[in-house]
C-alpha atoms as a PDB file:
ATOM      1  CA  MET A   1      -2.127  29.553  59.276  1.00  0.00           C
ATOM      2  CA  SER A   2      -1.934  25.086  59.458  1.00  0.00           C
ATOM      3  CA  SER A   3       1.317  23.268  58.975  1.00  0.00           C
ATOM      4  CA  LYS A   4      -0.158  21.694  55.939  1.00  0.00           C
ATOM      5  CA  GLN A   5      -0.676  24.844  54.535  1.00  0.00           C
ATOM      6  CA  ARG A   6       2.696  25.998  55.294  1.00  0.00           C
ATOM      7  CA  ASN A   7       3.935  23.224  53.728  1.00  0.00           C
ATOM      8  CA  ILE A   8       2.239  24.407  50.421  1.00  0.00           C
ATOM      9  CA  ASN A   9       3.177  27.554  50.139  1.00  0.00           C
ATOM     10  CA  LYS A  10       6.863  26.401  50.723  1.00  0.00           C
ATOM     11  CA  SER A  11       6.266  24.199  47.866  1.00  0.00           C
ATOM     12  CA  LYS A  12       5.080  26.442  45.327  1.00  0.00           C
ATOM     13  CA  LYS A  13       7.565  29.355  46.691  1.00  0.00           C
ATOM     14  CA  SER A  14      10.252  26.660  45.655  1.00  0.00           C
ATOM     15  CA  ASN A  15       8.810  25.661  42.523  1.00  0.00           C
ATOM     16  CA  GLN A  16       8.505  29.589  41.405  1.00  0.00           C
ATOM     17  CA  ASN A  17      12.097  29.771  42.357  1.00  0.00           C
ATOM     18  CA  SER A  18      13.361  26.418  40.477  1.00  0.00           C
ATOM     19  CA  SER A  19      11.402  27.385  36.992  1.00  0.00           C
ATOM     20  CA  SER A  20      12.873  30.890  37.197  1.00  0.00           C
ATOM     21  CA  ASN A  21      16.616  29.187  37.990  1.00  0.00           C
ATOM     22  CA  ARG A  22      15.705  26.748  34.956  1.00  0.00           C
ATOM     23  CA  GLU A  23      14.331  30.166  32.715  1.00  0.00           C
ATOM     24  CA  LYS A  24      18.280  31.862  33.497  1.00  0.00           C
ATOM     25  CA  GLU A  25      19.932  28.647  32.590  1.00  0.00           C
ATOM     26  CA  TYR A  26      17.847  28.168  29.081  1.00  0.00           C
ATOM     27  CA  LEU A  27      18.914  31.997  28.941  1.00  0.00           C
ATOM     28  CA  GLY A  28      22.508  31.587  29.769  1.00  0.00           C
ATOM     29  CA  ASN A  29      22.381  33.493  32.897  1.00  0.00           C
ATOM     30  CA  ASN A  30      21.562  36.884  31.338  1.00  0.00           C
ATOM     31  CA  ASN A  31      20.407  38.778  33.801  1.00  0.00           C
ATOM     32  CA  ASN A  32      19.179  41.568  30.694  1.00  0.00           C
ATOM     33  CA  VAL A  33      17.543  39.452  28.551  1.00  0.00           C
ATOM     34  CA  SER A  34      13.969  37.150  29.666  1.00  0.00           C
ATOM     35  CA  LEU A  35      11.216  35.466  27.522  1.00  0.00           C
ATOM     36  CA  ASP A  36       8.915  38.785  27.845  1.00  0.00           C
ATOM     37  CA  ASP A  37      12.164  40.608  25.949  1.00  0.00           C
ATOM     38  CA  VAL A  38      10.782  39.374  23.118  1.00  0.00           C
ATOM     39  CA  ASN A  39      10.224  42.274  20.882  1.00  0.00           C
ATOM     40  CA  ASN A  40       8.840  40.839  17.619  1.00  0.00           C
ATOM     41  CA  LYS A  41       7.655  37.685  17.995  1.00  0.00           C
ATOM     42  CA  GLY A  42       7.021  37.530  14.406  1.00  0.00           C
ATOM     43  CA  GLU A  43      11.083  37.281  14.117  1.00  0.00           C
ATOM     44  CA  VAL A  44      10.600  34.150  16.099  1.00  0.00           C
ATOM     45  CA  PHE A  45       8.279  32.392  14.012  1.00  0.00           C
ATOM     46  CA  GLN A  46       9.382  33.656  10.359  1.00  0.00           C
ATOM     47  CA  SER A  47      13.330  32.365  11.386  1.00  0.00           C
ATOM     48  CA  ILE A  48      11.127  29.198  11.963  1.00  0.00           C
ATOM     49  CA  SER A  49       9.687  29.230   8.357  1.00  0.00           C
ATOM     50  CA  ASN A  50      13.255  30.140   7.302  1.00  0.00           C
ATOM     51  CA  ILE A  51      14.620  26.543   9.030  1.00  0.00           C
ATOM     52  CA  PHE A  52      11.485  24.579   7.244  1.00  0.00           C
ATOM     53  CA  ASN A  53      12.221  26.288   3.801  1.00  0.00           C
ATOM     54  CA  GLU A  54      15.700  25.182   4.338  1.00  0.00           C
ATOM     55  CA  PHE A  55      15.284  22.041   4.689  1.00  0.00           C
ATOM     56  CA  ASN A  56      12.060  22.205   2.258  1.00  0.00           C
ATOM     57  CA  ARG A  57      14.926  22.323   0.287  1.00  0.00           C
ATOM     58  CA  GLN A  58      17.708  21.043   0.632  1.00  0.00           C
ATOM     59  CA  GLU A  59      15.510  17.753   1.030  1.00  0.00           C
ATOM     60  CA  LYS A  60      14.330  18.640  -2.999  1.00  0.00           C
ATOM     61  CA  GLU A  61      17.867  19.162  -3.949  1.00  0.00           C
ATOM     62  CA  ARG A  62      18.559  15.903  -2.900  1.00  0.00           C
ATOM     63  CA  ASN A  63      15.622  13.595  -4.014  1.00  0.00           C
ATOM     64  CA  ASP A  64      16.867  15.383  -7.943  1.00  0.00           C
ATOM     65  CA  ILE A  65      20.644  13.901  -7.001  1.00  0.00           C
ATOM     66  CA  ALA A  66      19.074  11.038  -6.463  1.00  0.00           C
ATOM     67  CA  ARG A  67      17.110  10.890  -9.346  1.00  0.00           C
ATOM     68  CA  ILE A  68      19.789  11.617 -12.025  1.00  0.00           C
ATOM     69  CA  PRO A  69      21.026   8.092 -11.768  1.00  0.00           C
ATOM     70  CA  HIS A  70      17.560   6.571 -12.430  1.00  0.00           C
ATOM     71  CA  LYS A  71      16.525   8.528 -15.307  1.00  0.00           C
ATOM     72  CA  ILE A  72      17.854   5.001 -17.585  1.00  0.00           C
ATOM     73  CA  TRP A  73      14.876   3.430 -16.282  1.00  0.00           C
ATOM     74  CA  ASP A  74      12.676   6.200 -17.952  1.00  0.00           C
ATOM     75  CA  ASN A  75      13.606   5.142 -20.969  1.00  0.00           C
ATOM     76  CA  TYR A  76      10.573   3.523 -23.329  1.00  0.00           C
ATOM     77  CA  TRP A  77      12.976   0.426 -24.812  1.00  0.00           C
ATOM     78  CA  VAL A  78      13.807  -0.112 -20.849  1.00  0.00           C
ATOM     79  CA  LYS A  79      10.507   0.155 -20.073  1.00  0.00           C
ATOM     80  CA  LYS A  80       9.713  -2.422 -23.108  1.00  0.00           C
ATOM     81  CA  ILE A  81      11.972  -5.260 -22.192  1.00  0.00           C
ATOM     82  CA  ILE A  82      11.051  -5.136 -18.198  1.00  0.00           C
ATOM     83  CA  ARG A  83       7.974  -5.336 -19.230  1.00  0.00           C
ATOM     84  CA  ILE A  84       8.784  -8.459 -21.660  1.00  0.00           C
ATOM     85  CA  ILE A  85      11.073 -10.143 -18.689  1.00  0.00           C
ATOM     86  CA  GLU A  86       8.323  -9.217 -16.266  1.00  0.00           C
ATOM     87  CA  ILE A  87       6.155 -11.371 -18.371  1.00  0.00           C
ATOM     88  CA  ILE A  88       8.316 -14.266 -19.452  1.00  0.00           C
ATOM     89  CA  PHE A  89       9.251 -14.836 -15.938  1.00  0.00           C
ATOM     90  CA  TRP A  90       5.065 -14.893 -14.484  1.00  0.00           C
ATOM     91  CA  ILE A  91       3.481 -17.249 -17.490  1.00  0.00           C
ATOM     92  CA  SER A  92       7.188 -19.496 -16.830  1.00  0.00           C
ATOM     93  CA  LEU A  93       6.672 -19.814 -12.998  1.00  0.00           C
ATOM     94  CA  GLY A  94       2.940 -20.309 -13.790  1.00  0.00           C
ATOM     95  CA  LEU A  95       3.917 -23.047 -15.872  1.00  0.00           C
ATOM     96  CA  GLY A  96       6.373 -24.290 -13.390  1.00  0.00           C
ATOM     97  CA  THR A  97       4.137 -24.674 -10.872  1.00  0.00           C
ATOM     98  CA  ALA A  98       1.677 -26.574 -13.043  1.00  0.00           C
ATOM     99  CA  TYR A  99       3.736 -29.164 -13.882  1.00  0.00           C
ATOM    100  CA  TYR A 100       5.578 -29.906 -10.982  1.00  0.00           C
ATOM    101  CA  THR A 101       1.642 -29.931  -9.516  1.00  0.00           C
ATOM    102  CA  ASP A 102       0.316 -31.811 -11.881  1.00  0.00           C
ATOM    103  CA  LEU A 103      -2.729 -29.484 -12.408  1.00  0.00           C
ATOM    104  CA  ILE A 104      -3.855 -30.678 -14.890  1.00  0.00           C
ATOM    105  CA  ASN A 105      -4.366 -34.513 -13.670  1.00  0.00           C
ATOM    106  CA  VAL A 106      -4.894 -33.374 -10.455  1.00  0.00           C
ATOM    107  CA  VAL A 107      -8.120 -30.887 -11.293  1.00  0.00           C
ATOM    108  CA  LEU A 108      -9.695 -33.505 -14.083  1.00  0.00           C
ATOM    109  CA  TYR A 109      -8.547 -37.100 -12.578  1.00  0.00           C
ATOM    110  CA  SER A 110      -8.223 -36.741  -8.709  1.00  0.00           C
ATOM    111  CA  ASP A 111     -10.361 -38.058  -6.218  1.00  0.00           C
ATOM    112  CA  ILE A 112      -8.832 -35.608  -3.347  1.00  0.00           C
ATOM    113  CA  VAL A 113     -10.132 -32.384  -4.916  1.00  0.00           C
ATOM    114  CA  ASN A 114     -13.413 -31.783  -2.500  1.00  0.00           C
ATOM    115  CA  ARG A 115     -15.682 -31.432  -6.170  1.00  0.00           C
ATOM    116  CA  LEU A 116     -18.841 -29.448  -4.983  1.00  0.00           C
ATOM    117  CA  TYR A 117     -16.343 -26.443  -3.689  1.00  0.00           C
ATOM    118  CA  PHE A 118     -14.141 -26.345  -7.062  1.00  0.00           C
ATOM    119  CA  ASN A 119     -17.295 -26.869  -9.034  1.00  0.00           C
ATOM    120  CA  ILE A 120     -18.093 -23.316  -7.178  1.00  0.00           C
ATOM    121  CA  GLY A 121     -14.920 -22.161  -7.268  1.00  0.00           C
ATOM    122  CA  ILE A 122     -15.504 -22.590 -11.096  1.00  0.00           C
ATOM    123  CA  ILE A 123     -18.708 -21.111 -11.539  1.00  0.00           C
ATOM    124  CA  GLY A 124     -17.535 -18.000 -10.069  1.00  0.00           C
ATOM    125  CA  LEU A 125     -14.615 -18.064 -12.283  1.00  0.00           C
ATOM    126  CA  VAL A 126     -17.103 -18.302 -15.204  1.00  0.00           C
ATOM    127  CA  GLY A 127     -18.826 -14.984 -13.960  1.00  0.00           C
ATOM    128  CA  PHE A 128     -15.899 -13.136 -13.801  1.00  0.00           C
ATOM    129  CA  ILE A 129     -14.602 -14.101 -17.642  1.00  0.00           C
ATOM    130  CA  SER A 130     -17.909 -13.213 -18.898  1.00  0.00           C
ATOM    131  CA  ILE A 131     -18.202  -9.952 -17.502  1.00  0.00           C
ATOM    132  CA  TYR A 132     -14.845  -8.889 -17.902  1.00  0.00           C
ATOM    133  CA  ILE A 133     -15.589 -10.067 -21.712  1.00  0.00           C
ATOM    134  CA  TYR A 134     -18.878  -7.965 -21.751  1.00  0.00           C
ATOM    135  CA  CYS A 135     -17.279  -5.232 -20.544  1.00  0.00           C
ATOM    136  CA  GLY A 136     -14.050  -5.314 -22.518  1.00  0.00           C
ATOM    137  CA  TYR A 137     -15.278  -6.643 -26.234  1.00  0.00           C
ATOM    138  CA  PHE A 138     -18.913  -6.108 -26.417  1.00  0.00           C
ATOM    139  CA  SER A 139     -19.074  -3.208 -24.446  1.00  0.00           C
ATOM    140  CA  LYS A 140     -19.082   0.456 -25.828  1.00  0.00           C
ATOM    141  CA  VAL A 141     -16.925   1.140 -23.896  1.00  0.00           C
ATOM    142  CA  ASP A 142     -13.434   1.479 -24.956  1.00  0.00           C
ATOM    143  CA  VAL A 143     -11.073   0.831 -21.850  1.00  0.00           C
ATOM    144  CA  LYS A 144      -8.273   2.112 -23.133  1.00  0.00           C
ATOM    145  CA  LYS A 145      -8.664   5.696 -23.139  1.00  0.00           C
ATOM    146  CA  ASN A 146     -10.549   5.919 -19.910  1.00  0.00           C
ATOM    147  CA  ASP A 147     -11.167   3.928 -17.197  1.00  0.00           C
ATOM    148  CA  ASP A 148     -14.087   5.125 -15.890  1.00  0.00           C
ATOM    149  CA  ASP A 149     -16.177   4.477 -18.243  1.00  0.00           C
ATOM    150  CA  TRP A 150     -17.135   0.854 -16.782  1.00  0.00           C
ATOM    151  CA  GLU A 151     -18.079   2.999 -13.566  1.00  0.00           C
ATOM    152  CA  LYS A 152     -20.264   5.412 -15.121  1.00  0.00           C
ATOM    153  CA  ILE A 153     -21.714   3.000 -18.036  1.00  0.00           C
ATOM    154  CA  HIS A 154     -22.065  -0.057 -15.798  1.00  0.00           C
ATOM    155  CA  PRO A 155     -21.787   0.696 -11.962  1.00  0.00           C
ATOM    156  CA  LYS A 156     -23.142  -2.761 -10.761  1.00  0.00           C
ATOM    157  CA  LEU A 157     -20.525  -4.800 -12.849  1.00  0.00           C
ATOM    158  CA  ILE A 158     -17.894  -4.542 -10.700  1.00  0.00           C
ATOM    159  CA  PRO A 159     -19.670  -5.494  -7.992  1.00  0.00           C
ATOM    160  CA  ILE A 160     -21.084  -8.593  -9.316  1.00  0.00           C
ATOM    161  CA  ALA A 161     -16.992  -8.973 -10.565  1.00  0.00           C
ATOM    162  CA  THR A 162     -15.979  -8.881  -7.203  1.00  0.00           C
ATOM    163  CA  ILE A 163     -17.976 -10.761  -5.402  1.00  0.00           C
ATOM    164  CA  CYS A 164     -17.517 -13.523  -8.614  1.00  0.00           C
ATOM    165  CA  LEU A 165     -14.060 -13.115  -7.420  1.00  0.00           C
ATOM    166  CA  VAL A 166     -13.963 -14.271  -4.412  1.00  0.00           C
ATOM    167  CA  ILE A 167     -16.302 -17.218  -4.873  1.00  0.00           C
ATOM    168  CA  PHE A 168     -13.702 -18.296  -7.176  1.00  0.00           C
ATOM    169  CA  SER A 169     -10.889 -17.826  -5.065  1.00  0.00           C
ATOM    170  CA  PHE A 170     -12.741 -19.418  -1.173  1.00  0.00           C
ATOM    171  CA  GLY A 171     -14.008 -22.181  -3.669  1.00  0.00           C
ATOM    172  CA  ILE A 172     -10.724 -23.491  -5.393  1.00  0.00           C
ATOM    173  CA  ILE A 173      -9.053 -22.827  -2.320  1.00  0.00           C
ATOM    174  CA  ILE A 174     -11.230 -25.313  -0.353  1.00  0.00           C
ATOM    175  CA  GLY A 175     -11.690 -27.776  -3.458  1.00  0.00           C
ATOM    176  CA  CYS A 176      -7.744 -28.140  -3.297  1.00  0.00           C
ATOM    177  CA  TRP A 177      -6.805 -27.449   0.310  1.00  0.00           C
ATOM    178  CA  PRO A 178      -6.771 -31.251   0.689  1.00  0.00           C
ATOM    179  CA  VAL A 179      -4.295 -31.915  -2.230  1.00  0.00           C
ATOM    180  CA  TRP A 180      -1.575 -29.294  -1.655  1.00  0.00           C
ATOM    181  CA  GLY A 181      -3.083 -27.985   1.934  1.00  0.00           C
ATOM    182  CA  PHE A 182      -1.380 -24.733   3.218  1.00  0.00           C
ATOM    183  CA  LEU A 183       0.423 -23.894  -0.182  1.00  0.00           C
ATOM    184  CA  THR A 184      -3.013 -24.233  -1.878  1.00  0.00           C
ATOM    185  CA  PRO A 185      -3.114 -19.987  -1.784  1.00  0.00           C
ATOM    186  CA  LEU A 186       0.207 -19.746  -3.309  1.00  0.00           C
ATOM    187  CA  PHE A 187      -0.157 -21.376  -5.978  1.00  0.00           C
ATOM    188  CA  LEU A 188      -3.603 -20.227  -6.545  1.00  0.00           C
ATOM    189  CA  PHE A 189      -1.941 -16.568  -6.700  1.00  0.00           C
ATOM    190  CA  ILE A 190       1.046 -18.166  -9.624  1.00  0.00           C
ATOM    191  CA  TYR A 191      -1.636 -19.755 -11.754  1.00  0.00           C
ATOM    192  CA  PHE A 192      -3.516 -16.572 -11.665  1.00  0.00           C
ATOM    193  CA  ALA A 193      -0.933 -13.856 -12.227  1.00  0.00           C
ATOM    194  CA  SER A 194       0.325 -16.415 -14.713  1.00  0.00           C
ATOM    195  CA  ILE A 195      -2.898 -16.414 -16.106  1.00  0.00           C
ATOM    196  CA  SER A 196      -3.570 -12.584 -15.926  1.00  0.00           C
ATOM    197  CA  TYR A 197      -0.542 -11.921 -17.990  1.00  0.00           C
ATOM    198  CA  ILE A 198      -1.034 -14.497 -20.600  1.00  0.00           C
ATOM    199  CA  ILE A 199      -4.462 -12.522 -21.569  1.00  0.00           C
END
């Protein structure tokens, strides 16, 4: 046997001795107990399952206790008041932004606006609004009862409406970029949110 093989055998024996020492330390240096002495491994899994069940029960109790003070938000009138405050906030924010940015004069009379892209964006908006009016008012679908009916009766209109909104967004952003710069997407979001609350 070469010296290299002897060194390998010595290192294996030392690893086995160190692992047995670690096992003894883990088991509390009790010579009568080893990992093989576990009579029923199902008991171990059962105790682990009990720990998880207890944790889930405690978590559920914590969530129930945390939910108690928030029952006021489930009240019909509180929801209605919050909805009204939200509508007033977005509409006033849209009107204030329109006043601050002088939206009407910029859109109608400004020479800085890139009219080609702006008009492409307006065409996308007109396409989206026409699809919305058709689906919401002229189609035989009652949206308030079931939202899936649009997708069943007119499966191609939703992707077309999405394409129209993307054209509108990019057209308006590129068209108004020379006027407002990096704030153009923010202003567009505020206008669109306030208009959606008006509708």
